[in-house]
Amino acid sequence: MIREIKFRAKVADSDYENEKQSKMIGSFVHFTGFIDLENDIGYVEQFEKINGVGWIDVDLKTLGQYTGLKDKKGKEIYEGDLLKHPLGVIAEINYADEFAAFLAGYFIGKSYRRDLLDPLYISLCEVIGNKYDNPELLGATA
């Protein structure tokens, strides 16, 4: 099986002017590049700009890996995304080191659950935001 490995992150404040000049998906940039978690540095090697390829700093706190799955509308799902199930449950996507897998974390009443991402289940859901731009959606139900 071939799996595409991609990341996305918010543009660092220091490159805010560059952000306005780049083709962004929301306030995130999709990229290939270098990530040095030990020294808290992230540099994007390639991203789409109006005038070509360039470098840009990213905020590592917002770094999210592509899960390899898409929602019911075909939108790619990344760590930190919030998914809404047709029954109204909103789940946050995270990576769990202890399982070496992506999980959906959500509340059912007062109980918090974490489930492995099931492609069939995910195909019913829709990305409605992310935990960085839409924290008010966490723990919400319809």
N, C-alpha and C. Protein backbone atom coordinates (compact mmCIF):
# COMPACT_ATOMS: atom_id res chain seq x y z
N MET A 1 0.85 -1.18 0.00
CA MET A 1 0.00 0.00 0.00
C MET A 1 0.89 1.24 0.00
N ILE A 2 0.57 2.20 -0.83
CA ILE A 2 1.29 3.47 -0.88
C ILE A 2 0.45 4.52 -0.17
N ARG A 3 1.10 5.24 0.75
CA ARG A 3 0.39 6.25 1.53
C ARG A 3 1.13 7.58 1.37
N GLU A 4 0.38 8.62 1.10
CA GLU A 4 0.95 9.95 0.92
C GLU A 4 1.23 10.56 2.29
N ILE A 5 2.45 11.03 2.52
CA ILE A 5 2.83 11.66 3.77
C ILE A 5 2.90 13.16 3.52
N LYS A 6 2.00 13.91 4.17
CA LYS A 6 1.94 15.36 4.00
C LYS A 6 1.71 16.00 5.36
N PHE A 7 2.07 17.26 5.44
CA PHE A 7 1.86 18.03 6.66
C PHE A 7 1.23 19.37 6.31
N ARG A 8 0.69 20.01 7.34
CA ARG A 8 0.22 21.37 7.20
C ARG A 8 0.46 22.07 8.53
N ALA A 9 0.62 23.37 8.48
CA ALA A 9 0.82 24.17 9.69
C ALA A 9 0.46 25.60 9.38
N LYS A 10 0.22 26.36 10.44
CA LYS A 10 -0.03 27.79 10.28
C LYS A 10 1.29 28.50 10.02
N VAL A 11 1.23 29.55 9.27
CA VAL A 11 2.41 30.36 9.01
C VAL A 11 2.78 31.10 10.29
N ALA A 12 4.07 31.13 10.62
CA ALA A 12 4.55 31.82 11.82
C ALA A 12 4.30 33.31 11.69
N ASP A 13 4.12 33.98 12.84
CA ASP A 13 3.86 35.42 12.84
C ASP A 13 4.92 36.19 12.09
N SER A 14 6.17 35.73 12.14
CA SER A 14 7.27 36.44 11.49
C SER A 14 7.12 36.48 9.98
N ASP A 15 6.33 35.57 9.43
CA ASP A 15 6.14 35.53 7.98
C ASP A 15 4.72 35.90 7.58
N TYR A 16 4.07 36.72 8.40
CA TYR A 16 2.68 37.08 8.13
C TYR A 16 2.53 37.75 6.77
N GLU A 17 3.47 38.63 6.40
CA GLU A 17 3.39 39.30 5.10
C GLU A 17 3.50 38.29 3.97
N ASN A 18 4.39 37.28 4.13
CA ASN A 18 4.52 36.25 3.10
C ASN A 18 3.23 35.44 2.99
N GLU A 19 2.53 35.25 4.13
CA GLU A 19 1.29 34.49 4.13
C GLU A 19 0.28 35.11 3.18
N LYS A 20 0.21 36.44 3.18
CA LYS A 20 -0.74 37.13 2.32
C LYS A 20 -0.43 36.91 0.85
N GLN A 21 0.83 36.62 0.54
CA GLN A 21 1.24 36.46 -0.85
C GLN A 21 1.16 35.02 -1.33
N SER A 22 0.95 34.09 -0.42
CA SER A 22 0.95 32.68 -0.80
C SER A 22 -0.48 32.18 -1.01
N LYS A 23 -0.61 31.07 -1.71
CA LYS A 23 -1.90 30.43 -1.88
C LYS A 23 -2.11 29.55 -0.65
N MET A 24 -3.03 29.94 0.21
CA MET A 24 -3.24 29.22 1.45
C MET A 24 -4.58 28.50 1.40
N ILE A 25 -4.67 27.45 2.18
CA ILE A 25 -5.97 26.80 2.41
C ILE A 25 -6.35 27.23 3.81
N GLY A 26 -7.28 28.16 3.94
CA GLY A 26 -7.57 28.79 5.22
C GLY A 26 -6.34 29.55 5.65
N SER A 27 -5.92 29.40 6.89
CA SER A 27 -4.72 30.07 7.37
C SER A 27 -3.57 29.09 7.46
N PHE A 28 -3.70 27.94 6.84
CA PHE A 28 -2.67 26.91 6.87
C PHE A 28 -1.93 26.86 5.53
N VAL A 29 -0.70 26.40 5.57
CA VAL A 29 0.05 26.15 4.35
C VAL A 29 0.36 24.67 4.29
N HIS A 30 0.20 24.06 3.13
CA HIS A 30 0.55 22.65 2.94
C HIS A 30 1.95 22.62 2.38
N PHE A 31 2.80 21.74 2.89
CA PHE A 31 4.21 21.88 2.56
C PHE A 31 4.99 20.58 2.62
N THR A 32 6.16 20.65 2.04
CA THR A 32 7.23 19.70 2.30
C THR A 32 8.36 20.55 2.87
N GLY A 33 9.13 20.02 3.78
CA GLY A 33 10.18 20.85 4.36
C GLY A 33 10.90 20.16 5.49
N PHE A 34 11.45 20.96 6.38
CA PHE A 34 12.25 20.46 7.48
C PHE A 34 11.58 20.80 8.79
N ILE A 35 11.53 19.83 9.69
CA ILE A 35 10.95 20.04 11.00
C ILE A 35 11.94 19.55 12.02
N ASP A 36 12.39 20.44 12.89
CA ASP A 36 13.33 20.11 13.95
C ASP A 36 12.60 20.33 15.27
N LEU A 37 11.92 19.28 15.77
CA LEU A 37 11.13 19.41 16.98
C LEU A 37 12.00 19.65 18.21
N GLU A 38 13.22 19.14 18.20
CA GLU A 38 14.12 19.31 19.33
C GLU A 38 14.45 20.78 19.57
N ASN A 39 14.64 21.52 18.49
CA ASN A 39 14.99 22.94 18.60
C ASN A 39 13.80 23.86 18.30
N ASP A 40 12.60 23.28 18.16
CA ASP A 40 11.37 24.03 17.93
C ASP A 40 11.47 24.93 16.70
N ILE A 41 11.95 24.35 15.60
CA ILE A 41 12.11 25.10 14.36
C ILE A 41 11.36 24.36 13.25
N GLY A 42 10.69 25.10 12.41
CA GLY A 42 10.07 24.52 11.23
C GLY A 42 10.27 25.42 10.04
N TYR A 43 10.83 24.89 9.00
CA TYR A 43 11.01 25.65 7.77
C TYR A 43 10.35 24.91 6.63
N VAL A 44 9.59 25.61 5.86
CA VAL A 44 8.93 25.00 4.72
C VAL A 44 9.85 25.14 3.51
N GLU A 45 10.11 24.00 2.89
CA GLU A 45 10.98 24.00 1.71
C GLU A 45 10.21 24.40 0.47
N GLN A 46 9.04 23.84 0.30
CA GLN A 46 8.25 24.13 -0.90
C GLN A 46 6.81 24.37 -0.52
N PHE A 47 6.24 25.43 -1.04
CA PHE A 47 4.82 25.66 -0.92
C PHE A 47 4.41 26.49 -2.12
N GLU A 48 3.15 26.47 -2.45
CA GLU A 48 2.69 27.19 -3.63
C GLU A 48 2.58 28.67 -3.34
N LYS A 49 3.30 29.46 -4.09
CA LYS A 49 3.18 30.91 -4.02
C LYS A 49 2.73 31.40 -5.38
N ILE A 50 2.21 32.59 -5.41
CA ILE A 50 1.80 33.17 -6.68
C ILE A 50 2.99 33.26 -7.62
N ASN A 51 4.17 33.55 -7.08
CA ASN A 51 5.37 33.72 -7.91
C ASN A 51 6.30 32.51 -7.86
N GLY A 52 5.85 31.36 -7.45
CA GLY A 52 6.70 30.17 -7.46
C GLY A 52 6.92 29.57 -6.09
N VAL A 53 8.02 28.84 -5.95
CA VAL A 53 8.33 28.11 -4.73
C VAL A 53 9.20 28.98 -3.83
N GLY A 54 9.01 28.90 -2.53
CA GLY A 54 9.80 29.70 -1.61
C GLY A 54 9.92 29.05 -0.25
N TRP A 55 10.50 29.78 0.69
CA TRP A 55 10.66 29.33 2.08
C TRP A 55 9.76 30.15 2.96
N ILE A 56 9.29 29.55 4.04
CA ILE A 56 8.44 30.27 4.98
C ILE A 56 8.54 29.57 6.34
N ASP A 57 8.50 30.32 7.44
CA ASP A 57 8.51 29.73 8.78
C ASP A 57 7.10 29.30 9.15
N VAL A 58 6.99 28.19 9.89
CA VAL A 58 5.69 27.73 10.35
C VAL A 58 5.68 27.62 11.87
N ASP A 59 4.49 27.70 12.45
CA ASP A 59 4.28 27.56 13.89
C ASP A 59 4.13 26.07 14.19
N LEU A 60 5.13 25.47 14.84
CA LEU A 60 5.11 24.02 15.07
C LEU A 60 3.99 23.56 15.99
N LYS A 61 3.44 24.47 16.81
CA LYS A 61 2.32 24.08 17.67
C LYS A 61 1.10 23.70 16.83
N THR A 62 1.05 24.17 15.59
CA THR A 62 -0.09 23.90 14.72
C THR A 62 0.20 22.83 13.67
N LEU A 63 1.34 22.17 13.80
CA LEU A 63 1.75 21.15 12.84
C LEU A 63 0.79 19.96 12.89
N GLY A 64 0.31 19.54 11.73
CA GLY A 64 -0.58 18.39 11.66
C GLY A 64 -0.25 17.53 10.45
N GLN A 65 -0.25 16.21 10.66
CA GLN A 65 0.02 15.28 9.57
C GLN A 65 -1.28 14.85 8.92
N TYR A 66 -1.22 14.62 7.63
CA TYR A 66 -2.35 14.10 6.87
C TYR A 66 -2.62 12.67 7.31
N THR A 67 -3.86 12.34 7.58
CA THR A 67 -4.22 11.00 8.05
C THR A 67 -4.29 9.97 6.93
N GLY A 68 -4.35 10.44 5.71
CA GLY A 68 -4.53 9.54 4.57
C GLY A 68 -6.00 9.31 4.25
N LEU A 69 -6.89 9.96 5.03
CA LEU A 69 -8.33 9.81 4.83
C LEU A 69 -8.95 11.13 4.38
N LYS A 70 -10.12 11.01 3.77
CA LYS A 70 -10.88 12.18 3.33
C LYS A 70 -12.29 12.10 3.89
N ASP A 71 -12.89 13.27 4.09
CA ASP A 71 -14.26 13.29 4.62
C ASP A 71 -15.27 13.01 3.50
N LYS A 72 -16.55 13.13 3.80
CA LYS A 72 -17.60 12.78 2.84
C LYS A 72 -17.61 13.68 1.61
N LYS A 73 -16.97 14.86 1.71
CA LYS A 73 -16.89 15.77 0.57
C LYS A 73 -15.55 15.71 -0.13
N GLY A 74 -14.70 14.76 0.28
CA GLY A 74 -13.41 14.59 -0.36
C GLY A 74 -12.31 15.48 0.20
N LYS A 75 -12.56 16.16 1.32
CA LYS A 75 -11.56 17.04 1.93
C LYS A 75 -10.58 16.20 2.75
N GLU A 76 -9.29 16.49 2.59
CA GLU A 76 -8.27 15.77 3.34
C GLU A 76 -8.41 16.05 4.84
N ILE A 77 -8.15 15.01 5.65
CA ILE A 77 -8.27 15.13 7.10
C ILE A 77 -6.88 15.12 7.71
N TYR A 78 -6.59 16.15 8.52
CA TYR A 78 -5.30 16.32 9.18
C TYR A 78 -5.47 16.27 10.70
N GLU A 79 -4.36 16.00 11.39
CA GLU A 79 -4.33 16.13 12.85
C GLU A 79 -4.84 17.52 13.21
N GLY A 80 -5.65 17.59 14.25
CA GLY A 80 -6.18 18.88 14.70
C GLY A 80 -7.49 19.25 14.06
N ASP A 81 -7.91 18.53 13.01
CA ASP A 81 -9.20 18.81 12.38
C ASP A 81 -10.34 18.38 13.29
N LEU A 82 -11.48 19.02 13.12
CA LEU A 82 -12.70 18.67 13.83
C LEU A 82 -13.68 18.10 12.82
N LEU A 83 -14.17 16.89 13.12
CA LEU A 83 -15.11 16.20 12.23
C LEU A 83 -16.48 16.14 12.87
N LYS A 84 -17.50 16.32 12.06
CA LYS A 84 -18.87 16.20 12.55
C LYS A 84 -19.53 14.99 11.92
N HIS A 85 -20.04 14.11 12.78
CA HIS A 85 -20.79 12.92 12.35
C HIS A 85 -22.23 13.35 12.08
N PRO A 86 -22.95 12.66 11.18
CA PRO A 86 -24.35 13.02 10.91
C PRO A 86 -25.24 13.06 12.15
N LEU A 87 -24.88 12.32 13.21
CA LEU A 87 -25.68 12.34 14.44
C LEU A 87 -25.34 13.54 15.33
N GLY A 88 -24.36 14.36 14.90
CA GLY A 88 -24.06 15.59 15.61
C GLY A 88 -22.81 15.56 16.48
N VAL A 89 -22.21 14.41 16.66
CA VAL A 89 -21.01 14.31 17.49
C VAL A 89 -19.84 14.96 16.77
N ILE A 90 -19.06 15.77 17.49
CA ILE A 90 -17.88 16.42 16.92
C ILE A 90 -16.65 15.80 17.56
N ALA A 91 -15.74 15.34 16.72
CA ALA A 91 -14.52 14.67 17.18
C ALA A 91 -13.29 15.44 16.73
N GLU A 92 -12.26 15.43 17.59
CA GLU A 92 -10.97 16.02 17.25
C GLU A 92 -10.03 14.89 16.84
N ILE A 93 -9.31 15.11 15.75
CA ILE A 93 -8.37 14.11 15.25
C ILE A 93 -7.00 14.35 15.88
N ASN A 94 -6.43 13.32 16.52
CA ASN A 94 -5.08 13.41 17.09
C ASN A 94 -4.31 12.15 16.78
N TYR A 95 -3.00 12.29 16.93
CA TYR A 95 -2.12 11.14 16.78
C TYR A 95 -1.78 10.64 18.17
N ALA A 96 -1.91 9.35 18.41
CA ALA A 96 -1.62 8.77 19.72
C ALA A 96 -0.36 7.92 19.62
N ASP A 97 0.71 8.39 20.26
CA ASP A 97 1.97 7.65 20.22
C ASP A 97 1.83 6.24 20.77
N GLU A 98 1.02 6.08 21.83
CA GLU A 98 0.90 4.76 22.44
C GLU A 98 0.26 3.72 21.52
N PHE A 99 -0.49 4.18 20.53
CA PHE A 99 -1.10 3.27 19.57
C PHE A 99 -0.45 3.37 18.19
N ALA A 100 0.40 4.36 18.00
CA ALA A 100 1.00 4.65 16.69
C ALA A 100 -0.09 4.74 15.63
N ALA A 101 -1.12 5.52 15.94
CA ALA A 101 -2.27 5.64 15.05
C ALA A 101 -2.99 6.96 15.28
N PHE A 102 -3.78 7.37 14.29
CA PHE A 102 -4.64 8.54 14.44
C PHE A 102 -5.93 8.10 15.12
N LEU A 103 -6.42 8.94 16.04
CA LEU A 103 -7.64 8.66 16.78
C LEU A 103 -8.61 9.83 16.67
N ALA A 104 -9.88 9.53 16.84
CA ALA A 104 -10.92 10.56 16.96
C ALA A 104 -11.32 10.62 18.42
N GLY A 105 -11.15 11.79 19.04
CA GLY A 105 -11.54 11.98 20.44
C GLY A 105 -12.81 12.81 20.50
N TYR A 106 -13.77 12.36 21.32
CA TYR A 106 -15.06 13.05 21.37
C TYR A 106 -15.77 12.73 22.68
N PHE A 107 -16.77 13.56 23.00
CA PHE A 107 -17.59 13.35 24.19
C PHE A 107 -18.94 12.76 23.79
N ILE A 108 -19.38 11.79 24.58
CA ILE A 108 -20.75 11.28 24.52
C ILE A 108 -21.28 11.54 25.92
N GLY A 109 -22.14 12.54 26.04
CA GLY A 109 -22.56 12.98 27.37
C GLY A 109 -21.35 13.52 28.11
N LYS A 110 -21.06 12.95 29.29
CA LYS A 110 -19.89 13.38 30.06
C LYS A 110 -18.70 12.44 29.88
N SER A 111 -18.88 11.42 29.08
CA SER A 111 -17.81 10.45 28.85
C SER A 111 -16.98 10.84 27.63
N TYR A 112 -15.65 10.79 27.79
CA TYR A 112 -14.74 11.07 26.68
C TYR A 112 -14.29 9.76 26.09
N ARG A 113 -14.36 9.64 24.77
CA ARG A 113 -13.97 8.42 24.07
C ARG A 113 -12.90 8.74 23.04
N ARG A 114 -12.09 7.74 22.74
CA ARG A 114 -11.12 7.84 21.65
C ARG A 114 -11.22 6.56 20.85
N ASP A 115 -11.43 6.71 19.55
CA ASP A 115 -11.56 5.56 18.66
C ASP A 115 -10.57 5.66 17.52
N LEU A 116 -10.11 4.51 17.06
CA LEU A 116 -9.30 4.48 15.85
C LEU A 116 -10.13 4.99 14.68
N LEU A 117 -9.48 5.60 13.71
CA LEU A 117 -10.21 6.11 12.55
C LEU A 117 -10.62 4.96 11.65
N ASP A 118 -11.89 4.78 11.49
CA ASP A 118 -12.46 3.77 10.61
C ASP A 118 -12.85 4.46 9.31
N PRO A 119 -12.24 4.08 8.17
CA PRO A 119 -12.54 4.75 6.90
C PRO A 119 -14.03 4.79 6.57
N LEU A 120 -14.78 3.74 6.90
CA LEU A 120 -16.22 3.73 6.61
C LEU A 120 -16.94 4.79 7.46
N TYR A 121 -16.60 4.84 8.75
CA TYR A 121 -17.18 5.83 9.66
C TYR A 121 -16.81 7.24 9.21
N ILE A 122 -15.55 7.44 8.88
CA ILE A 122 -15.06 8.76 8.47
C ILE A 122 -15.74 9.23 7.19
N SER A 123 -16.10 8.30 6.31
CA SER A 123 -16.74 8.67 5.04
C SER A 123 -18.13 9.28 5.26
N LEU A 124 -18.68 9.15 6.45
CA LEU A 124 -19.97 9.77 6.79
C LEU A 124 -19.80 11.16 7.40
N CYS A 125 -18.58 11.50 7.80
CA CYS A 125 -18.31 12.72 8.55
C CYS A 125 -17.85 13.85 7.63
N GLU A 126 -17.87 15.07 8.20
CA GLU A 126 -17.45 16.25 7.46
C GLU A 126 -16.49 17.07 8.32
N VAL A 127 -15.39 17.54 7.73
CA VAL A 127 -14.48 18.46 8.42
C VAL A 127 -15.21 19.79 8.55
N ILE A 128 -15.35 20.27 9.80
CA ILE A 128 -16.06 21.53 10.03
C ILE A 128 -15.14 22.62 10.58
N GLY A 129 -13.87 22.31 10.73
CA GLY A 129 -12.92 23.29 11.23
C GLY A 129 -11.71 22.58 11.80
N ASN A 130 -11.00 23.31 12.66
CA ASN A 130 -9.84 22.74 13.33
C ASN A 130 -9.74 23.33 14.72
N LYS A 131 -8.96 22.68 15.59
CA LYS A 131 -8.89 23.09 16.99
C LYS A 131 -8.18 24.42 17.19
N TYR A 132 -7.45 24.90 16.21
CA TYR A 132 -6.73 26.17 16.33
C TYR A 132 -7.63 27.35 16.01
N ASP A 133 -8.44 27.22 14.97
CA ASP A 133 -9.31 28.32 14.56
C ASP A 133 -10.71 28.21 15.14
N ASN A 134 -11.11 27.03 15.57
CA ASN A 134 -12.49 26.81 16.04
C ASN A 134 -12.54 26.07 17.37
N PRO A 135 -11.82 26.51 18.40
CA PRO A 135 -11.80 25.78 19.68
C PRO A 135 -13.18 25.70 20.33
N GLU A 136 -14.06 26.63 20.00
CA GLU A 136 -15.40 26.62 20.58
C GLU A 136 -16.21 25.39 20.16
N LEU A 137 -15.79 24.72 19.09
CA LEU A 137 -16.52 23.54 18.61
C LEU A 137 -16.16 22.27 19.39
N LEU A 138 -15.06 22.29 20.12
CA LEU A 138 -14.64 21.09 20.85
C LEU A 138 -15.67 20.72 21.92
N GLY A 139 -16.04 19.46 21.93
CA GLY A 139 -16.99 18.97 22.92
C GLY A 139 -18.43 19.31 22.60
N ALA A 140 -18.68 19.98 21.47
CA ALA A 140 -20.05 20.37 21.11
C ALA A 140 -20.78 19.23 20.41
N THR A 141 -22.06 19.22 20.56
CA THR A 141 -22.91 18.28 19.81
C THR A 141 -24.07 19.08 19.22
N ALA A 142 -24.69 18.53 18.19
CA ALA A 142 -25.79 19.24 17.49
C ALA A 142 -27.01 19.35 18.36
